Amino acid sequence: MPPSVLMLGWGFPPNISGGLDTFVGSLFWEFDDRDDVDVELVLPAEFAPDDVAAIHGIPTGDGDVIERIERLSEEFVERAADADVVHTHDWFGYDPGVESQSTHDVQWMTTFHSLTQDRNLNPPDYEVETEQRIVDRADSLVAVSDLTAGRVREFYGGDSNVVHNGFQRVEPTGRDVKAELGIDGPMLFFVGRHTHQKGITHLLYAMSKLRRPEVTLVLGGSGHLTAQLERFAELLGVDDQIEFVGYVPDAELADYYASADAFVSASLAEPFGMTVVEALSTGTPVVTTECGAAEVLPDDCLVLVDSHSDAIADGIDAALAMDGVPDFEERTWADVADDYVALYESLLA
C-alpha cells in the first residue's frame, strides 16, 4: 500500500502569497498523478481550488493566522485518522501537526521553508517558541536547502533532511516591458514583498553607487516598507532611476523577467529563491545574495554577492556584462516528489 499523506497548506496557485504556496501546489499536482503515494490537502477555503476531490477547503473566518489555523485544526486532526503521515509547513503547522500526532497513530513531518529569523529583524517570541516545539516534537524535519538546514541546527538544535525545491519555469509572451516603461538604458528587475528580509534598502543604496544614470531599476511588489523605500530613493537621489510598479500578476511576471537585462535579489535571508530560478528560466542573468537555489546550480550560473551595497553594485556591473545565462540543469517537481516519497517510506519503515 502506498503511504497515505495528509498535507496542510495555506495558499494554492493562483491564490498565493509566497514560495511556500507555490511549493504546496506544485508538489500536490505531482503527487496527484502518482500511484506510489496517496495525498489529501487541507487549507483555508478562500484559497482552495474548486472541484478537486483531494483538496479540502475549510472556512477559517476573520482574524490573524493563529486564530484561523485554530479553526482549521479540528477538521485537519479528524482527517488525520486515515493518514499514515501528516505533512505540515513552517511554524503555523504546529497545532495541527502535534494534535494529529498525539491523537492518532500517525507520523508527523514538517518542512521548513524559512525561519522566523529569516523573516523578521526582531523575531516574535511566539514564533521562535513554536519553531522550537516543532523541532522537539516532529518525527521528521525537512529543509528546502542546506542553508536552511544549517539555520535549523544553529537556532534550534535540530537535524533536517534536505529536499531542494523544484524550479519554476515561466514563459514570456513577447511583451516588451522595457519599451512600455520608456526605459532606454539597461533595465534591472526585482519582485517580492517589501520587507526587511528582501534587503531592498541595500539594493537602492547600490543604485546610488553605480554611477550609471542610464540604468533603471523596476521594483515590483509591495509591502509595509513601500512608502519608506520611495522616500529613501528620493533621499539617495536615485528616484528618477527607480520605477515602482507595484503588484505584478503571475501572468505578467515572465515578460518582466525577460525584458530585464538583469534580475537582482538582495535578500538578507533567502532559504531557496523561487524568483531566482524563474528569472533564469527566461535567460536573464541574476545577481543574488546567498540562497538555496545556488546549491543546485553551476558555480558560474549566478552572480553571487554579499548583502551590502558595494558588493551588489559590483554584481550588477558583472551581470550587465554577461552574454546570457550559462547552461544549467533544471530540478523538476517530479524530482522533488521522488525525494518526498522516499522520505515518507523511510519514516514509515
Protein backbone atom coordinates (compact mmCIF):
# COMPACT_ATOMS: atom_id res chain seq x y z
CA MET A 1 0.00 0.00 0.00
CA PRO A 2 1.33 3.46 -0.87
CA PRO A 3 1.75 5.87 2.04
CA SER A 4 -1.32 7.98 2.76
CA VAL A 5 -0.32 11.61 3.36
CA LEU A 6 -2.43 14.44 4.74
CA MET A 7 -0.79 17.76 3.89
CA LEU A 8 -1.51 21.18 5.36
CA GLY A 9 -1.29 24.27 3.18
CA TRP A 10 -2.17 27.94 3.33
CA GLY A 11 -2.37 29.29 -0.23
CA PHE A 12 -2.67 27.45 -3.52
CA PRO A 13 -1.88 28.70 -7.04
CA PRO A 14 -3.05 31.08 -8.32
CA ASN A 15 -4.02 32.29 -4.83
CA ILE A 16 -0.51 32.52 -3.42
CA SER A 17 1.47 34.82 -1.19
CA GLY A 18 4.91 33.28 -1.49
CA GLY A 19 7.16 30.35 -2.31
CA LEU A 20 5.56 28.02 0.25
CA ASP A 21 2.23 28.20 -1.59
CA THR A 22 3.92 27.52 -4.92
CA PHE A 23 5.66 24.53 -3.33
CA VAL A 24 2.41 23.08 -1.95
CA GLY A 25 0.59 23.47 -5.26
CA SER A 26 3.40 22.04 -7.37
CA LEU A 27 4.01 19.09 -5.06
CA PHE A 28 0.30 18.31 -4.74
CA TRP A 29 -0.19 18.04 -8.52
CA GLU A 30 2.88 15.79 -8.80
CA PHE A 31 1.54 13.52 -6.05
CA ASP A 32 -1.95 13.54 -7.53
CA ASP A 33 -0.66 11.92 -10.73
CA ARG A 34 1.30 9.15 -8.98
CA ASP A 35 0.46 5.65 -7.79
CA ASP A 36 3.14 5.40 -5.10
CA VAL A 37 1.55 7.96 -2.74
CA ASP A 38 -2.00 8.97 -1.79
CA VAL A 39 -2.31 12.62 -0.84
CA GLU A 40 -5.04 14.87 0.51
CA LEU A 41 -4.58 18.57 1.16
CA VAL A 42 -6.29 20.77 3.74
CA LEU A 43 -6.14 24.56 3.51
CA PRO A 44 -8.33 27.65 4.11
CA ALA A 45 -11.41 27.62 1.89
CA GLU A 46 -10.76 31.09 0.50
CA PHE A 47 -7.56 29.87 -1.17
CA ALA A 48 -8.69 26.38 -2.17
CA PRO A 49 -9.47 25.49 -5.81
CA ASP A 50 -12.95 24.24 -6.64
CA ASP A 51 -13.81 20.70 -7.66
CA VAL A 52 -10.57 18.92 -6.72
CA ALA A 53 -11.62 15.85 -4.78
CA ALA A 54 -8.42 15.54 -2.74
CA ILE A 55 -8.34 19.20 -1.66
CA HIS A 56 -10.45 20.20 1.32
CA GLY A 57 -11.10 23.90 1.86
CA ILE A 58 -12.01 24.72 5.46
CA PRO A 59 -13.68 28.07 6.30
CA THR A 60 -11.40 29.92 8.73
CA GLY A 61 -13.20 33.25 9.11
CA ASP A 62 -11.54 36.51 10.10
CA GLY A 63 -8.55 37.14 12.33
CA ASP A 64 -4.82 36.51 12.25
CA VAL A 65 -3.08 33.33 11.11
CA ILE A 66 -3.10 31.84 14.62
CA GLU A 67 -6.85 32.25 15.04
CA ARG A 68 -7.61 30.92 11.58
CA ILE A 69 -5.35 27.87 11.95
CA GLU A 70 -7.08 27.03 15.23
CA ARG A 71 -10.41 26.91 13.39
CA LEU A 72 -8.95 24.70 10.66
CA SER A 73 -7.09 22.39 13.03
CA GLU A 74 -10.05 20.38 14.30
CA GLU A 75 -11.03 19.07 10.88
CA PHE A 76 -7.38 18.50 9.94
CA VAL A 77 -6.95 16.29 13.02
CA GLU A 78 -10.13 14.37 12.21
CA ARG A 79 -8.88 13.63 8.69
CA ALA A 80 -5.50 12.59 10.08
CA ALA A 81 -7.14 9.45 11.49
CA ASP A 82 -6.97 7.90 8.00
CA ALA A 83 -3.40 9.03 7.23
CA ASP A 84 -0.01 7.42 7.70
CA VAL A 85 1.84 10.75 7.62
CA VAL A 86 0.75 14.33 8.26
CA HIS A 87 2.93 16.85 6.46
CA THR A 88 2.89 20.46 7.68
CA HIS A 89 4.96 23.52 6.85
CA ASP A 90 6.67 26.21 8.92
CA TRP A 91 5.51 27.47 12.30
CA PHE A 92 1.78 27.66 11.52
CA GLY A 93 1.60 23.88 11.20
CA TYR A 94 2.47 23.21 14.83
CA ASP A 95 -1.02 22.82 16.34
CA PRO A 96 -2.48 20.65 13.54
CA GLY A 97 0.71 18.56 13.44
CA VAL A 98 1.19 17.93 17.14
CA GLU A 99 -2.53 17.30 17.76
CA SER A 100 -2.64 14.77 14.92
CA GLN A 101 0.49 13.09 16.24
CA SER A 102 -0.84 12.82 19.78
CA THR A 103 -4.38 11.77 18.78
CA HIS A 104 -3.65 9.16 16.13
CA ASP A 105 -1.04 6.58 15.20
CA VAL A 106 0.44 8.91 12.58
CA GLN A 107 3.90 10.21 11.78
CA TRP A 108 4.41 13.97 11.65
CA MET A 109 6.75 15.53 9.07
CA THR A 110 7.29 19.26 8.74
CA THR A 111 9.13 21.24 6.07
CA PHE A 112 10.91 24.48 6.94
CA HIS A 113 10.68 26.91 4.02
CA SER A 114 12.03 29.72 6.17
CA LEU A 115 12.54 30.51 9.84
CA THR A 116 11.16 33.44 11.77
CA GLN A 117 14.76 34.71 11.98
CA ASP A 118 14.75 34.87 8.17
CA ARG A 119 11.54 36.87 8.02
CA ASN A 120 11.95 39.27 10.94
CA LEU A 121 14.59 41.64 12.27
CA ASN A 122 13.12 41.02 15.73
CA PRO A 123 11.54 37.54 15.61
CA PRO A 124 8.31 37.30 17.63
CA ASP A 125 8.75 35.18 20.74
CA TYR A 126 5.67 33.14 19.85
CA GLU A 127 7.12 32.08 16.50
CA VAL A 128 10.54 31.28 17.99
CA GLU A 129 8.96 29.16 20.72
CA THR A 130 6.68 27.42 18.22
CA GLU A 131 9.54 26.55 15.87
CA GLN A 132 11.48 25.11 18.80
CA ARG A 133 8.48 22.97 19.75
CA ILE A 134 8.23 21.71 16.17
CA VAL A 135 11.89 20.70 16.17
CA ASP A 136 11.44 18.96 19.53
CA ARG A 137 8.22 17.12 18.65
CA ALA A 138 8.07 16.35 14.91
CA ASP A 139 9.06 12.86 13.75
CA SER A 140 10.86 14.19 10.68
CA LEU A 141 12.27 17.60 9.78
CA VAL A 142 12.90 18.71 6.19
CA ALA A 143 14.58 21.91 4.98
CA VAL A 144 14.43 23.38 1.47
CA SER A 145 18.21 23.92 1.34
CA ASP A 146 21.46 23.15 3.14
CA LEU A 147 21.42 26.82 4.13
CA THR A 148 18.08 26.42 5.91
CA ALA A 149 19.08 23.10 7.46
CA GLY A 150 22.12 24.82 8.95
CA ARG A 151 19.95 27.54 10.45
CA VAL A 152 17.54 24.99 11.95
CA ARG A 153 20.56 23.37 13.60
CA GLU A 154 22.02 26.72 14.70
CA PHE A 155 18.86 28.15 16.26
CA TYR A 156 17.04 25.02 17.44
CA GLY A 157 19.50 22.13 17.54
CA GLY A 158 17.53 20.06 15.02
CA ASP A 159 18.81 17.85 12.20
CA SER A 160 16.90 18.08 8.92
CA ASN A 161 16.77 16.13 5.71
CA VAL A 162 17.31 18.47 2.75
CA VAL A 163 14.96 18.44 -0.23
CA HIS A 164 15.59 21.34 -2.57
CA ASN A 165 12.59 22.93 -4.26
CA GLY A 166 11.80 22.38 -7.89
CA PHE A 167 12.47 25.06 -10.48
CA GLN A 168 9.57 27.17 -11.63
CA ARG A 169 9.70 27.81 -15.38
CA VAL A 170 7.86 30.86 -16.67
CA GLU A 171 7.12 31.55 -20.33
CA PRO A 172 7.33 35.10 -21.75
CA THR A 173 4.71 36.20 -24.26
CA GLY A 174 6.99 38.59 -26.13
CA ARG A 175 5.67 41.73 -24.45
CA ASP A 176 8.38 44.42 -24.19
CA VAL A 177 8.00 45.82 -20.69
CA LYS A 178 11.13 47.94 -21.05
CA ALA A 179 9.67 49.76 -24.04
CA GLU A 180 6.31 50.20 -22.31
CA LEU A 181 8.03 51.87 -19.36
CA GLY A 182 10.09 54.09 -21.67
CA ILE A 183 13.43 52.73 -20.48
CA ASP A 184 16.27 53.42 -22.92
CA GLY A 185 19.23 52.01 -20.98
CA PRO A 186 19.72 48.76 -19.06
CA MET A 187 16.76 47.55 -17.01
CA LEU A 188 17.13 45.81 -13.66
CA PHE A 189 14.19 43.99 -12.11
CA PHE A 190 13.25 42.95 -8.61
CA VAL A 191 9.96 41.46 -7.43
CA GLY A 192 8.97 40.44 -3.94
CA ARG A 193 7.46 41.57 -0.67
CA HIS A 194 8.70 44.94 0.51
CA THR A 195 10.03 43.71 3.86
CA HIS A 196 13.37 43.93 5.65
CA GLN A 197 14.14 40.32 4.67
CA LYS A 198 14.38 41.24 1.00
CA GLY A 199 17.22 43.74 1.52
CA ILE A 200 15.70 46.34 -0.80
CA THR A 201 17.32 49.26 1.01
CA HIS A 202 20.72 47.73 0.19
CA LEU A 203 19.65 47.47 -3.46
CA LEU A 204 18.53 51.11 -3.57
CA TYR A 205 21.79 52.19 -1.95
CA ALA A 206 23.66 50.15 -4.57
CA MET A 207 21.85 52.11 -7.28
CA SER A 208 23.41 55.30 -5.88
CA LYS A 209 26.86 53.72 -6.25
CA LEU A 210 26.53 52.53 -9.84
CA ARG A 211 27.48 55.91 -11.33
CA ARG A 212 25.37 54.84 -14.29
CA PRO A 213 22.34 57.13 -14.56
CA GLU A 214 21.16 55.21 -17.64
CA VAL A 215 20.34 52.12 -15.52
CA THR A 216 16.73 51.81 -14.32
CA LEU A 217 15.54 49.53 -11.54
CA VAL A 218 11.98 48.25 -11.92
CA LEU A 219 10.76 47.40 -8.44
CA GLY A 220 7.78 45.05 -8.33
CA GLY A 221 5.72 44.05 -5.34
CA SER A 222 4.52 45.93 -2.29
CA GLY A 223 4.52 45.75 1.49
CA HIS A 224 4.71 47.70 4.70
CA LEU A 225 8.02 49.30 3.66
CA THR A 226 6.92 50.64 0.25
CA ALA A 227 6.43 54.25 1.32
CA GLN A 228 9.73 54.23 3.22
CA LEU A 229 11.53 52.82 0.18
CA GLU A 230 10.09 55.52 -2.05
CA ARG A 231 11.29 58.17 0.39
CA PHE A 232 14.71 56.51 0.70
CA ALA A 233 15.13 56.59 -3.09
CA GLU A 234 14.39 60.33 -3.00
CA LEU A 235 16.94 60.93 -0.24
CA LEU A 236 19.56 58.97 -2.20
CA GLY A 237 18.80 61.00 -5.31
CA VAL A 238 18.02 57.91 -7.41
CA ASP A 239 14.22 58.20 -7.54
CA ASP A 240 14.41 59.05 -11.26
CA GLN A 241 16.14 55.67 -11.78
CA ILE A 242 13.52 53.64 -9.91
CA GLU A 243 10.15 52.52 -11.28
CA PHE A 244 7.81 51.34 -8.50
CA VAL A 245 5.34 49.22 -10.47
CA GLY A 246 3.50 47.58 -7.55
CA TYR A 247 1.98 44.13 -7.69
CA VAL A 248 2.92 42.19 -10.83
CA PRO A 249 0.36 39.46 -11.70
CA ASP A 250 1.77 35.98 -12.21
CA ALA A 251 0.68 36.05 -15.85
CA GLU A 252 2.91 39.08 -16.48
CA LEU A 253 5.98 38.09 -14.45
CA ALA A 254 7.75 36.24 -17.26
CA ASP A 255 7.70 39.29 -19.52
CA TYR A 256 9.17 41.46 -16.75
CA TYR A 257 11.97 38.94 -16.21
CA ALA A 258 12.63 38.58 -19.93
CA SER A 259 12.60 42.33 -20.56
CA ALA A 260 15.23 42.94 -17.87
CA ASP A 261 18.95 42.94 -18.53
CA ALA A 262 19.46 41.51 -15.05
CA PHE A 263 17.36 40.37 -12.11
CA VAL A 264 18.59 41.38 -8.65
CA SER A 265 17.80 39.66 -5.35
CA ALA A 266 19.44 41.41 -2.39
CA SER A 267 17.76 39.36 0.35
CA LEU A 268 19.28 39.24 3.81
CA ALA A 269 17.94 35.67 4.03
CA GLU A 270 16.71 33.63 1.07
CA PRO A 271 16.16 29.97 2.03
CA PHE A 272 15.65 28.94 -1.61
CA GLY A 273 14.80 31.72 -4.07
CA MET A 274 11.89 30.96 -6.42
CA THR A 275 12.32 34.30 -8.21
CA VAL A 276 15.97 33.45 -8.88
CA VAL A 277 15.14 30.32 -10.87
CA GLU A 278 12.14 31.96 -12.55
CA ALA A 279 14.40 34.73 -13.87
CA LEU A 280 16.97 32.19 -15.07
CA SER A 281 14.27 30.31 -16.96
CA THR A 282 13.79 33.38 -19.20
CA GLY A 283 17.53 33.65 -19.92
CA THR A 284 18.06 36.71 -17.73
CA PRO A 285 21.30 36.99 -15.70
CA VAL A 286 20.77 37.02 -11.93
CA VAL A 287 22.57 38.88 -9.17
CA THR A 288 21.78 37.34 -5.79
CA THR A 289 22.91 37.12 -2.23
CA GLU A 290 23.30 33.67 -0.64
CA CYS A 291 20.31 31.45 -1.50
CA GLY A 292 19.36 27.80 -1.54
CA ALA A 293 18.93 27.71 -5.32
CA ALA A 294 22.67 28.28 -5.71
CA GLU A 295 23.26 24.86 -4.15
CA VAL A 296 21.75 23.09 -7.16
CA LEU A 297 23.14 25.34 -9.91
CA PRO A 298 26.58 25.51 -11.57
CA ASP A 299 29.02 27.89 -9.89
CA ASP A 300 29.05 30.31 -12.84
CA CYS A 301 25.28 30.44 -13.26
CA LEU A 302 24.62 33.22 -10.73
CA VAL A 303 26.46 36.39 -9.79
CA LEU A 304 26.73 35.80 -6.03
CA VAL A 305 27.25 38.84 -3.83
CA ASP A 306 27.32 39.75 -0.15
CA SER A 307 24.33 41.62 1.25
CA HIS A 308 25.80 45.11 1.21
CA SER A 309 25.53 47.85 -1.34
CA ASP A 310 29.12 47.89 -2.67
CA ALA A 311 29.03 44.18 -3.47
CA ILE A 312 25.57 44.46 -5.04
CA ALA A 313 26.71 47.36 -7.24
CA ASP A 314 29.74 45.36 -8.41
CA GLY A 315 27.48 42.37 -9.05
CA ILE A 316 25.13 44.45 -11.17
CA ASP A 317 28.06 45.62 -13.30
CA ALA A 318 29.18 42.00 -13.73
CA ALA A 319 25.70 40.79 -14.68
CA LEU A 320 25.21 43.57 -17.24
CA ALA A 321 28.46 42.46 -18.88
CA MET A 322 27.26 38.85 -19.20
CA ASP A 323 26.27 37.35 -22.53
CA GLY A 324 23.16 35.44 -21.43
CA VAL A 325 22.96 32.68 -18.84
CA PRO A 326 25.23 29.59 -18.73
CA ASP A 327 23.58 26.22 -19.33
CA PHE A 328 22.10 24.57 -16.27
CA GLU A 329 20.00 21.52 -15.47
CA GLU A 330 16.58 22.26 -14.05
CA ARG A 331 15.43 20.44 -10.94
CA THR A 332 11.89 19.26 -11.65
CA TRP A 333 8.96 18.92 -9.27
CA ALA A 334 8.93 15.23 -10.18
CA ASP A 335 12.42 15.07 -8.63
CA VAL A 336 11.05 16.76 -5.51
CA ALA A 337 8.14 14.31 -5.35
CA ASP A 338 10.53 11.36 -5.67
CA ASP A 339 12.55 12.63 -2.74
CA TYR A 340 9.49 13.15 -0.53
CA VAL A 341 8.02 9.74 -1.30
CA ALA A 342 11.35 8.19 -0.31
CA LEU A 343 11.27 10.16 2.97
CA TYR A 344 7.67 9.08 3.70
CA GLU A 345 8.56 5.44 3.10
CA SER A 346 11.68 5.69 5.26
CA LEU A 347 9.70 7.34 8.06
CA LEU A 348 7.06 4.60 7.99
CA ALA A 349 9.66 1.83 7.81
